[in-house]
């Protein structure tokens, strides 16, 4: 792979990470310069690093504002696609689904029947499309206003870009991409959406949980001081998987079990831990410099991905983050984010725990969950993200800031995966412009030559040398 470099500042200007806020609600510049206060009473205290990224606080009620009826196409009708379809329908009045796309008829028909039985929505036969290129038929349909995308992650950028080219509004599940090539393609779609005044909303639902929003407001207001580090965790039991049936080809098997295969999902460090990485990217307004990771496959029954990761992520300014991801039963579980600052820590967990403590252990702030319960009926981040999207569409405002940020978060996760797979340090400046792509040259529903040996979990490094043989050591390895 040819190594090319681009500075982080160039990426900010080229990709419009500064970007259009496109927000309903307040948007104010963040921070002040990183300086030590000069008066003795505040000696040692630090302010946030100056940021040109706007602080955006979305305003969301229990439903989106009324307005133009919206007709949606659903691309990807599995479990997450079915959930996204129902969340969209719950988010507003006068919205419906009129077109559906999938590779497999059984999955599509299951959702189609659910729409008919539970929502009285009848999708006609001429709006049903199957195949790898069927997304184009839905996006080409002049009757479609918005495209809902819940296909495997490797296809996200392809589907989003085509939908934006056709002038459609877009909701797309995370991640933005699973490798540098797909992430850059997604970013190109974001830039196109900005130019056309369209919306791309992503499935990073924590961005719309009110507890996270209030914690973000306080962190950007300086309540924990300058951000110096973080701890990010998505540690859970085994992920759902699909056992192979005799009648399935190699490709059909992988597509039906796509959360277990790297080329389809990018490994769970992107599929799940990207949520926590995205929270840190959101709160800190920073991008990574390098990642060193490790991991392995210990207890997984299917697929070629790892079931555990540990990442050391270095961000701009030397900010260091420990990130963990695990999918193994009978182990300690924790899905949370801790943002560390010079004045204290912010702890977030989407079970309703959002707190800030100072370094003496005193509780400085805690989100009032009971007050939210009294004021709002709708508290699901999965539905609130659709409310925010529909609000923007009906007010004629573009929405792309979260999609831009998810590109950075997805690339960070991909850096962690590649470091864990290879044992190497992965640097942002090189990875950003690399030609690494996980998209196959050809996709089909047939068998794959050497399938059993081609798709196996990687192992970092090399086997230890035999006694008496020379060992290959990195230059930085100390000797004892």
Protein backbone atom coordinates (compact mmCIF):
# COMPACT_ATOMS: atom_id res chain seq x y z
CA UNK A 1 0.00 0.00 0.00
CA UNK A 2 1.49 3.33 -1.04
CA UNK A 3 1.92 5.69 1.89
CA UNK A 4 0.64 9.18 1.31
CA UNK A 5 0.14 11.86 3.92
CA UNK A 6 -2.42 14.55 4.54
CA UNK A 7 -2.41 16.80 7.56
CA UNK A 8 -5.29 16.77 10.00
CA UNK A 9 -5.86 20.47 9.26
CA UNK A 10 -6.10 19.71 5.53
CA UNK A 11 -8.68 17.04 6.27
CA UNK A 12 -10.73 19.50 8.30
CA UNK A 13 -10.77 22.06 5.49
CA UNK A 14 -11.17 19.57 2.67
CA UNK A 15 -13.96 17.54 4.23
CA UNK A 16 -15.82 20.42 5.84
CA UNK A 17 -15.61 18.98 9.31
CA UNK A 18 -16.12 22.61 10.25
CA UNK A 19 -19.11 22.22 7.98
CA UNK A 20 -22.65 23.33 7.88
CA UNK A 21 -24.40 22.93 11.22
CA UNK A 22 -27.82 22.60 9.65
CA UNK A 23 -29.40 22.55 13.08
CA UNK A 24 -32.80 23.30 14.49
CA UNK A 25 -31.90 25.00 17.73
CA UNK A 26 -28.91 26.85 19.09
CA UNK A 27 -25.45 26.69 17.55
CA UNK A 28 -22.65 28.58 19.27
CA UNK A 29 -18.90 28.54 18.87
CA UNK A 30 -17.16 26.43 21.47
CA UNK A 31 -14.38 26.97 23.87
CA UNK A 32 -11.59 29.53 24.18
CA UNK A 33 -7.88 29.16 23.70
CA UNK A 34 -6.01 26.46 25.57
CA UNK A 35 -4.37 28.60 28.22
CA UNK A 36 -3.47 28.41 31.88
CA UNK A 37 -5.29 31.10 33.83
CA UNK A 38 -2.88 33.71 35.18
CA UNK A 39 -4.58 34.68 38.44
CA UNK A 40 -3.41 32.70 41.48
CA UNK A 41 -6.92 31.65 42.51
CA UNK A 42 -7.33 29.76 39.24
CA UNK A 43 -3.75 28.63 38.79
CA UNK A 44 -3.52 25.29 37.03
CA UNK A 45 -6.97 25.50 35.51
CA UNK A 46 -7.39 25.09 31.76
CA UNK A 47 -10.00 26.04 29.22
CA UNK A 48 -11.23 23.98 26.29
CA UNK A 49 -9.20 23.93 23.13
CA UNK A 50 -10.64 26.39 20.63
CA UNK A 51 -12.88 24.70 18.07
CA UNK A 52 -14.51 25.92 14.88
CA UNK A 53 -17.01 23.04 14.98
CA UNK A 54 -20.34 24.46 16.14
CA UNK A 55 -21.99 23.28 19.33
CA UNK A 56 -25.37 22.09 18.06
CA UNK A 57 -28.23 21.35 20.43
CA UNK A 58 -31.18 19.80 18.55
CA UNK A 59 -34.70 20.57 19.73
CA UNK A 60 -36.90 17.48 19.77
CA UNK A 61 -40.38 16.94 21.09
CA UNK A 62 -42.33 13.71 21.23
CA UNK A 63 -43.01 13.87 17.48
CA UNK A 64 -41.67 15.73 14.49
CA UNK A 65 -43.41 18.89 13.35
CA UNK A 66 -46.26 18.48 10.89
CA UNK A 67 -45.63 19.26 7.25
CA UNK A 68 -45.21 17.71 3.85
CA UNK A 69 -46.13 14.00 3.66
CA UNK A 70 -43.01 11.86 3.25
CA UNK A 71 -42.76 8.57 1.36
CA UNK A 72 -39.83 6.34 2.18
CA UNK A 73 -37.98 3.44 0.59
CA UNK A 74 -36.51 0.82 2.94
CA UNK A 75 -33.16 -0.63 1.79
CA UNK A 76 -32.28 -3.64 3.91
CA UNK A 77 -35.22 -5.37 5.60
CA UNK A 78 -33.54 -7.46 8.30
CA UNK A 79 -33.85 -6.88 12.04
CA UNK A 80 -32.24 -3.44 12.11
CA UNK A 81 -34.03 -2.38 8.94
CA UNK A 82 -37.34 -3.47 10.43
CA UNK A 83 -36.56 -1.47 13.55
CA UNK A 84 -35.62 1.61 11.52
CA UNK A 85 -38.85 1.34 9.54
CA UNK A 86 -40.98 1.32 12.70
CA UNK A 87 -38.95 4.14 14.29
CA UNK A 88 -39.47 6.28 11.20
CA UNK A 89 -43.21 5.65 11.22
CA UNK A 90 -43.44 6.48 14.95
CA UNK A 91 -41.49 9.72 14.56
CA UNK A 92 -44.08 11.80 12.70
CA UNK A 93 -47.53 12.09 11.22
CA UNK A 94 -48.04 11.70 7.46
CA UNK A 95 -45.05 9.45 6.81
CA UNK A 96 -45.20 6.05 5.14
CA UNK A 97 -43.12 3.38 3.42
CA UNK A 98 -43.94 2.75 -0.23
CA UNK A 99 -40.88 0.86 -1.54
CA UNK A 100 -38.74 -1.99 -0.21
CA UNK A 101 -35.37 -3.48 -1.20
CA UNK A 102 -33.48 -6.57 -0.04
CA UNK A 103 -31.35 -9.43 -1.31
CA UNK A 104 -33.59 -12.10 0.21
CA UNK A 105 -37.38 -12.37 -0.34
CA UNK A 106 -38.06 -14.00 3.03
CA UNK A 107 -36.66 -11.06 4.98
CA UNK A 108 -38.47 -8.48 2.87
CA UNK A 109 -41.78 -10.32 3.00
CA UNK A 110 -41.55 -10.63 6.76
CA UNK A 111 -41.30 -6.84 7.13
CA UNK A 112 -43.89 -6.30 4.40
CA UNK A 113 -46.39 -8.43 6.32
CA UNK A 114 -45.59 -6.60 9.54
CA UNK A 115 -46.27 -3.24 7.89
CA UNK A 116 -49.59 -4.49 6.57
CA UNK A 117 -50.74 -6.11 9.81
CA UNK A 118 -49.53 -3.54 12.33
CA UNK A 119 -49.54 -0.27 10.36
CA UNK A 120 -52.08 -0.87 7.58
CA UNK A 121 -49.36 -0.03 5.04
CA UNK A 122 -49.64 -1.99 1.81
CA UNK A 123 -46.51 -1.94 -0.37
CA UNK A 124 -47.48 -2.80 -3.94
CA UNK A 125 -45.68 -5.47 -5.95
CA UNK A 126 -44.21 -2.95 -8.40
CA UNK A 127 -42.38 -1.27 -5.48
CA UNK A 128 -40.68 -4.48 -4.31
CA UNK A 129 -37.09 -4.90 -5.52
CA UNK A 130 -34.53 -7.69 -5.04
CA UNK A 131 -30.82 -7.88 -5.83
CA UNK A 132 -27.49 -6.17 -5.25
CA UNK A 133 -28.39 -3.31 -7.61
CA UNK A 134 -32.05 -3.07 -6.59
CA UNK A 135 -31.33 0.02 -4.43
CA UNK A 136 -31.06 1.97 -7.67
CA UNK A 137 -34.67 1.21 -8.59
CA UNK A 138 -35.89 2.59 -5.28
CA UNK A 139 -33.71 5.70 -5.52
CA UNK A 140 -34.75 6.28 -9.15
CA UNK A 141 -38.42 6.31 -8.14
CA UNK A 142 -39.72 9.91 -8.39
CA UNK A 143 -42.38 9.18 -5.76
CA UNK A 144 -39.75 8.53 -3.04
CA UNK A 145 -38.77 11.43 -0.75
CA UNK A 146 -36.47 9.69 1.71
CA UNK A 147 -34.36 6.53 1.66
CA UNK A 148 -33.87 4.50 4.85
CA UNK A 149 -30.67 2.41 4.65
CA UNK A 150 -29.96 -0.57 6.90
CA UNK A 151 -27.84 -2.72 4.61
CA UNK A 152 -24.49 -4.24 5.74
CA UNK A 153 -21.92 -1.56 6.50
CA UNK A 154 -19.76 -2.22 3.44
CA UNK A 155 -22.64 -1.03 1.22
CA UNK A 156 -23.56 2.12 3.16
CA UNK A 157 -21.45 4.57 1.21
CA UNK A 158 -22.55 3.11 -2.13
CA UNK A 159 -26.24 3.37 -1.24
CA UNK A 160 -26.00 6.82 0.37
CA UNK A 161 -24.05 8.33 -2.49
CA UNK A 162 -26.52 7.10 -5.11
CA UNK A 163 -29.50 8.31 -3.08
CA UNK A 164 -28.01 11.79 -2.72
CA UNK A 165 -27.17 11.88 -6.43
CA UNK A 166 -30.87 11.24 -7.07
CA UNK A 167 -31.89 14.07 -4.76
CA UNK A 168 -33.25 11.94 -1.90
CA UNK A 169 -33.13 12.66 1.82
CA UNK A 170 -31.29 9.89 3.68
CA UNK A 171 -31.28 8.01 6.94
CA UNK A 172 -28.39 5.52 7.14
CA UNK A 173 -27.44 3.18 9.92
CA UNK A 174 -23.91 3.37 11.30
CA UNK A 175 -21.10 3.05 10.37
CA UNK A 176 -20.30 5.55 7.62
CA UNK A 177 -17.85 3.06 6.13
CA UNK A 178 -15.62 0.18 7.19
CA UNK A 179 -12.37 1.10 5.43
CA UNK A 180 -10.70 4.25 4.04
CA UNK A 181 -12.20 3.85 0.55
CA UNK A 182 -15.81 3.47 1.74
CA UNK A 183 -15.40 6.25 4.33
CA UNK A 184 -14.12 8.66 1.68
CA UNK A 185 -17.04 7.73 -0.57
CA UNK A 186 -19.47 8.42 2.28
CA UNK A 187 -17.77 11.77 2.90
CA UNK A 188 -18.17 12.65 -0.78
CA UNK A 189 -21.90 11.97 -0.39
CA UNK A 190 -22.00 14.27 2.64
CA UNK A 191 -20.35 17.07 0.65
CA UNK A 192 -22.85 16.53 -2.16
CA UNK A 193 -25.74 16.68 0.31
CA UNK A 194 -24.42 19.96 1.69
CA UNK A 195 -24.25 21.41 -1.81
CA UNK A 196 -27.80 20.28 -2.59
CA UNK A 197 -29.27 21.29 0.77
CA UNK A 198 -30.22 17.68 1.59
CA UNK A 199 -30.10 15.71 4.83
CA UNK A 200 -28.09 12.66 5.84
CA UNK A 201 -28.97 11.39 9.29
CA UNK A 202 -27.03 8.47 10.75
CA UNK A 203 -27.93 5.78 13.26
CA UNK A 204 -25.73 7.09 16.07
CA UNK A 205 -28.76 7.32 18.35
CA UNK A 206 -26.89 8.48 21.45
CA UNK A 207 -26.53 11.86 19.77
CA UNK A 208 -30.28 12.27 20.32
CA UNK A 209 -30.68 10.99 23.85
CA UNK A 210 -31.41 14.06 25.96
CA UNK A 211 -29.07 12.95 28.74
CA UNK A 212 -26.14 12.80 26.34
CA UNK A 213 -27.11 16.17 24.87
CA UNK A 214 -27.14 17.82 28.29
CA UNK A 215 -23.82 16.19 29.22
CA UNK A 216 -22.34 17.42 25.94
CA UNK A 217 -23.61 20.94 26.60
CA UNK A 218 -21.81 21.00 29.94
CA UNK A 219 -18.57 19.46 28.70
CA UNK A 220 -18.39 22.01 25.87
CA UNK A 221 -19.18 24.68 28.44
CA UNK A 222 -15.99 23.74 30.29
CA UNK A 223 -17.41 21.95 33.34
CA UNK A 224 -14.67 19.28 33.29
CA UNK A 225 -12.01 21.67 31.97
CA UNK A 226 -9.70 20.72 29.16
CA UNK A 227 -10.29 17.18 27.91
CA UNK A 228 -7.22 15.04 28.57
CA UNK A 229 -8.40 11.47 27.98
CA UNK A 230 -11.19 8.94 28.09
CA UNK A 231 -12.31 5.36 28.64
CA UNK A 232 -14.73 3.84 26.11
CA UNK A 233 -16.38 0.44 26.56
CA UNK A 234 -18.73 -1.82 24.67
CA UNK A 235 -18.32 -5.11 26.51
CA UNK A 236 -21.26 -7.50 26.16
CA UNK A 237 -22.08 -11.16 25.72
CA UNK A 238 -21.91 -13.06 22.45
CA UNK A 239 -23.45 -11.32 19.45
CA UNK A 240 -26.35 -12.90 17.58
CA UNK A 241 -25.13 -15.23 14.84
CA UNK A 242 -26.56 -17.51 12.16
CA UNK A 243 -25.59 -21.14 11.66
CA UNK A 244 -25.20 -22.24 8.08
CA UNK A 245 -27.87 -24.24 6.30
CA UNK A 246 -26.91 -26.88 3.71
CA UNK A 247 -28.84 -25.19 0.90
CA UNK A 248 -27.01 -21.86 1.29
CA UNK A 249 -24.08 -20.86 -0.89
CA UNK A 250 -20.97 -19.33 0.68
CA UNK A 251 -22.11 -15.80 -0.16
CA UNK A 252 -25.68 -16.29 1.02
CA UNK A 253 -24.39 -17.66 4.30
CA UNK A 254 -22.17 -14.64 4.91
CA UNK A 255 -24.88 -12.16 3.95
CA UNK A 256 -27.36 -13.78 6.34
CA UNK A 257 -24.72 -13.76 9.10
CA UNK A 258 -23.14 -10.46 8.10
CA UNK A 259 -22.35 -9.26 11.64
CA UNK A 260 -19.77 -12.08 11.81
CA UNK A 261 -17.74 -11.28 8.67
CA UNK A 262 -15.19 -8.51 8.39
CA UNK A 263 -15.73 -7.55 4.75
CA UNK A 264 -19.43 -6.99 5.45
CA UNK A 265 -19.48 -5.31 8.88
CA UNK A 266 -15.91 -4.16 9.51
CA UNK A 267 -15.78 -6.13 12.79
CA UNK A 268 -17.62 -5.14 15.97
CA UNK A 269 -15.04 -2.49 16.81
CA UNK A 270 -16.82 -0.53 14.05
CA UNK A 271 -20.30 -1.99 14.29
CA UNK A 272 -20.65 -1.40 18.05
CA UNK A 273 -17.67 0.42 19.59
CA UNK A 274 -18.09 3.13 16.94
CA UNK A 275 -20.91 4.46 19.16
CA UNK A 276 -18.50 5.15 22.02
CA UNK A 277 -15.79 6.47 19.69
CA UNK A 278 -18.39 8.79 18.18
CA UNK A 279 -19.35 10.12 21.63
CA UNK A 280 -15.71 11.01 22.30
CA UNK A 281 -15.36 12.59 18.84
CA UNK A 282 -18.55 14.58 19.49
CA UNK A 283 -17.64 15.77 22.99
CA UNK A 284 -13.95 16.48 22.33
CA UNK A 285 -14.01 17.97 18.79
CA UNK A 286 -10.75 16.07 18.27
CA UNK A 287 -9.51 13.59 15.70
CA UNK A 288 -7.09 10.70 16.22
CA UNK A 289 -3.39 10.77 15.47
CA UNK A 290 -2.62 7.06 15.88
CA UNK A 291 -3.98 3.79 17.23
CA UNK A 292 -2.27 0.72 18.66
CA UNK A 293 -4.65 -2.17 19.25
CA UNK A 294 -4.82 -5.82 20.07
CA UNK A 295 -7.49 -8.48 20.00
CA UNK A 296 -8.32 -12.05 19.08
CA UNK A 297 -11.05 -14.56 18.35
CA UNK A 298 -11.54 -16.75 21.42
CA UNK A 299 -15.17 -17.90 21.69
CA UNK A 300 -16.92 -17.01 18.45
CA UNK A 301 -18.87 -19.77 16.67
CA UNK A 302 -19.10 -18.22 13.19
CA UNK A 303 -17.25 -15.72 11.05
CA UNK A 304 -13.74 -14.34 10.72
CA UNK A 305 -13.91 -11.35 13.08
CA UNK A 306 -12.52 -10.94 16.59
CA UNK A 307 -14.57 -11.16 19.76
CA UNK A 308 -12.35 -8.83 21.84
CA UNK A 309 -10.38 -5.63 21.28
CA UNK A 310 -8.27 -3.26 23.37
CA UNK A 311 -7.24 0.01 21.72
CA UNK A 312 -4.87 2.80 22.74
CA UNK A 313 -6.03 5.82 20.73
CA UNK A 314 -3.92 8.99 20.70
CA UNK A 315 -5.82 12.12 19.71
CA UNK A 316 -4.68 15.62 18.83
CA UNK A 317 -2.77 17.35 21.62
CA UNK A 318 -1.63 14.05 23.15
CA UNK A 319 -5.09 13.20 24.48
CA UNK A 320 -5.15 9.47 25.16
CA UNK A 321 -8.17 7.16 25.15
CA UNK A 322 -8.51 3.53 26.23
CA UNK A 323 -11.20 1.75 24.22
CA UNK A 324 -12.48 -1.78 24.82
CA UNK A 325 -14.89 -4.03 22.94
CA UNK A 326 -15.86 -7.60 23.76
CA UNK A 327 -18.56 -10.06 22.66
CA UNK A 328 -18.04 -13.06 24.98
CA UNK A 329 -20.56 -14.66 27.33
CA UNK A 330 -20.01 -14.88 31.10
CA UNK A 331 -17.69 -11.87 31.25
CA UNK A 332 -18.14 -8.48 32.93
CA UNK A 333 -20.38 -6.27 30.82
CA UNK A 334 -20.16 -2.50 30.47
CA UNK A 335 -21.30 -0.13 27.73
CA UNK A 336 -20.29 3.40 28.70
CA UNK A 337 -18.12 6.44 28.06
CA UNK A 338 -15.91 8.33 30.52
CA UNK A 339 -14.56 11.70 29.37
CA UNK A 340 -11.62 12.84 31.49
CA UNK A 341 -10.75 16.50 31.98
CA UNK A 342 -8.47 18.70 34.04
CA UNK A 343 -11.33 19.57 36.41
CA UNK A 344 -13.18 16.27 36.59
CA UNK A 345 -14.85 13.47 34.68
CA UNK A 346 -18.08 13.03 32.73
CA UNK A 347 -19.63 9.56 32.82
CA UNK A 348 -22.39 8.55 30.41
CA UNK A 349 -24.38 5.35 30.05
CA UNK A 350 -27.57 5.09 28.04
CA UNK A 351 -29.43 3.44 30.93
CA UNK A 352 -30.05 6.96 32.23
CA UNK A 353 -26.78 7.61 34.06
CA UNK A 354 -25.17 10.93 33.13
CA UNK A 355 -22.94 12.51 35.76
CA UNK A 356 -20.01 14.87 36.23
CA UNK A 357 -17.69 14.57 39.25
CA UNK A 358 -14.76 16.75 40.26
CA UNK A 359 -11.40 15.27 41.18
CA UNK A 360 -12.35 15.20 44.87
CA UNK A 361 -15.18 12.82 44.05
CA UNK A 362 -17.94 15.40 44.51
CA UNK A 363 -21.00 15.14 42.29
CA UNK A 364 -21.04 18.37 40.27
CA UNK A 365 -23.95 17.58 37.96
CA UNK A 366 -26.40 14.76 37.34
CA UNK A 367 -29.00 14.51 34.60
CA UNK A 368 -32.56 14.56 35.93
CA UNK A 369 -34.14 11.48 34.37
CA UNK A 370 -37.38 11.88 36.32
CA UNK A 371 -37.86 15.41 34.99
CA UNK A 372 -37.46 14.11 31.44
CA UNK A 373 -40.00 11.36 32.09
CA UNK A 374 -42.49 13.98 33.31
CA UNK A 375 -41.92 16.31 30.35
CA UNK A 376 -41.57 13.88 27.44
CA UNK A 377 -43.25 10.68 26.37
CA UNK A 378 -40.72 9.89 23.64
CA UNK A 379 -37.32 9.00 25.10
CA UNK A 380 -35.98 6.47 22.58
CA UNK A 381 -32.85 7.62 20.75
CA UNK A 382 -33.83 5.39 17.83
CA UNK A 383 -37.00 7.42 17.32
CA UNK A 384 -35.61 10.82 18.31
CA UNK A 385 -33.00 10.65 15.53
CA UNK A 386 -35.85 10.30 13.02
CA UNK A 387 -37.74 13.17 14.67
CA UNK A 388 -34.68 15.38 14.24
CA UNK A 389 -34.30 14.31 10.60
CA UNK A 390 -37.95 14.94 9.71
CA UNK A 391 -37.87 18.31 11.46
CA UNK A 392 -34.98 19.37 9.23
CA UNK A 393 -36.63 18.06 6.06
CA UNK A 394 -39.93 19.79 6.77
CA UNK A 395 -38.24 23.08 7.62
CA UNK A 396 -36.11 22.90 4.46
CA UNK A 397 -32.82 22.76 6.38
CA UNK A 398 -29.81 20.61 5.58
CA UNK A 399 -28.53 18.15 8.19
CA UNK A 400 -25.05 16.70 7.73
CA UNK A 401 -22.89 17.52 10.76
CA UNK A 402 -23.44 14.19 12.51
CA UNK A 403 -22.79 12.30 9.27
CA UNK A 404 -19.47 14.13 8.86
CA UNK A 405 -18.47 13.29 12.39
CA UNK A 406 -19.38 9.63 11.91
CA UNK A 407 -16.84 9.46 9.07
CA UNK A 408 -14.08 10.36 11.54
CA UNK A 409 -15.43 7.91 14.14
CA UNK A 410 -15.74 5.08 11.59
CA UNK A 411 -12.20 5.66 10.34
CA UNK A 412 -10.97 5.61 13.94
CA UNK A 413 -12.63 2.24 14.48
CA UNK A 414 -11.15 0.92 11.24
CA UNK A 415 -7.70 2.05 12.38
CA UNK A 416 -8.18 0.09 15.59
CA UNK A 417 -9.25 -3.03 13.71
CA UNK A 418 -6.29 -2.91 11.33
CA UNK A 419 -3.87 -2.34 14.22
CA UNK A 420 -5.31 -5.29 16.14
CA UNK A 421 -5.25 -7.51 13.05
CA UNK A 422 -1.63 -6.65 12.20
CA UNK A 423 -0.06 -5.65 15.51
CA UNK A 424 1.14 -2.42 13.90
CA UNK A 425 0.64 1.21 14.87
CA UNK A 426 -1.83 2.80 12.44
CA UNK A 427 -1.46 6.53 11.79
CA UNK A 428 -4.36 8.74 10.77
CA UNK A 429 -2.49 10.74 8.12
CA UNK A 430 -1.53 7.59 6.23
CA UNK A 431 -4.70 5.59 6.81
CA UNK A 432 -6.97 8.41 5.67
CA UNK A 433 -5.59 8.35 2.14
CA UNK A 434 -4.75 4.65 1.86
CA UNK A 435 -6.24 2.45 -0.85
CA UNK A 436 -7.49 -0.21 1.60
CA UNK A 437 -10.95 -1.39 0.56
CA UNK A 438 -12.94 -4.31 1.98
CA UNK A 439 -15.43 -4.24 -0.90
CA UNK A 440 -14.96 -7.33 -3.11
CA UNK A 441 -14.32 -6.84 -6.81
CA UNK A 442 -17.53 -8.78 -7.45
CA UNK A 443 -20.56 -9.57 -5.30
CA UNK A 444 -22.85 -12.47 -6.12
CA UNK A 445 -24.87 -15.21 -4.41
CA UNK A 446 -22.64 -18.12 -5.37
CA UNK A 447 -19.79 -20.04 -3.79
CA UNK A 448 -16.29 -18.66 -3.24
CA UNK A 449 -13.10 -20.57 -4.12
CA UNK A 450 -11.10 -21.59 -1.04
CA UNK A 451 -13.84 -20.22 1.23
CA UNK A 452 -12.85 -22.28 4.28
CA UNK A 453 -9.24 -21.07 4.21
CA UNK A 454 -9.77 -17.57 2.82
CA UNK A 455 -12.13 -16.30 5.53
CA UNK A 456 -10.40 -16.97 8.84
CA UNK A 457 -9.69 -14.70 11.78
CA UNK A 458 -6.27 -13.02 11.47
CA UNK A 459 -3.44 -13.35 13.97
CA UNK A 460 -1.14 -10.46 14.72
CA UNK A 461 2.64 -10.79 14.66
CA UNK A 462 4.58 -13.99 14.16
CA UNK A 463 5.16 -17.21 16.03
CA UNK A 464 8.00 -17.01 18.58
CA UNK A 465 11.34 -18.11 17.21
CA UNK A 466 12.74 -21.49 18.24
CA UNK A 467 15.57 -21.52 20.78
CA UNK A 468 18.85 -20.56 19.18
CA UNK A 469 17.25 -18.83 16.20
CA UNK A 470 17.37 -15.04 15.76
CA UNK A 471 14.25 -13.11 16.73
CA UNK A 472 12.79 -10.20 14.80
CA UNK A 473 12.08 -7.31 17.16
CA UNK A 474 10.67 -3.84 16.50
CA UNK A 475 13.23 -1.11 16.94
CA UNK A 476 11.42 0.15 20.04
CA UNK A 477 11.40 -3.24 21.85
CA UNK A 478 13.52 -3.11 25.02
CA UNK A 479 15.89 -5.95 25.82
CA UNK A 480 16.34 -7.45 29.26
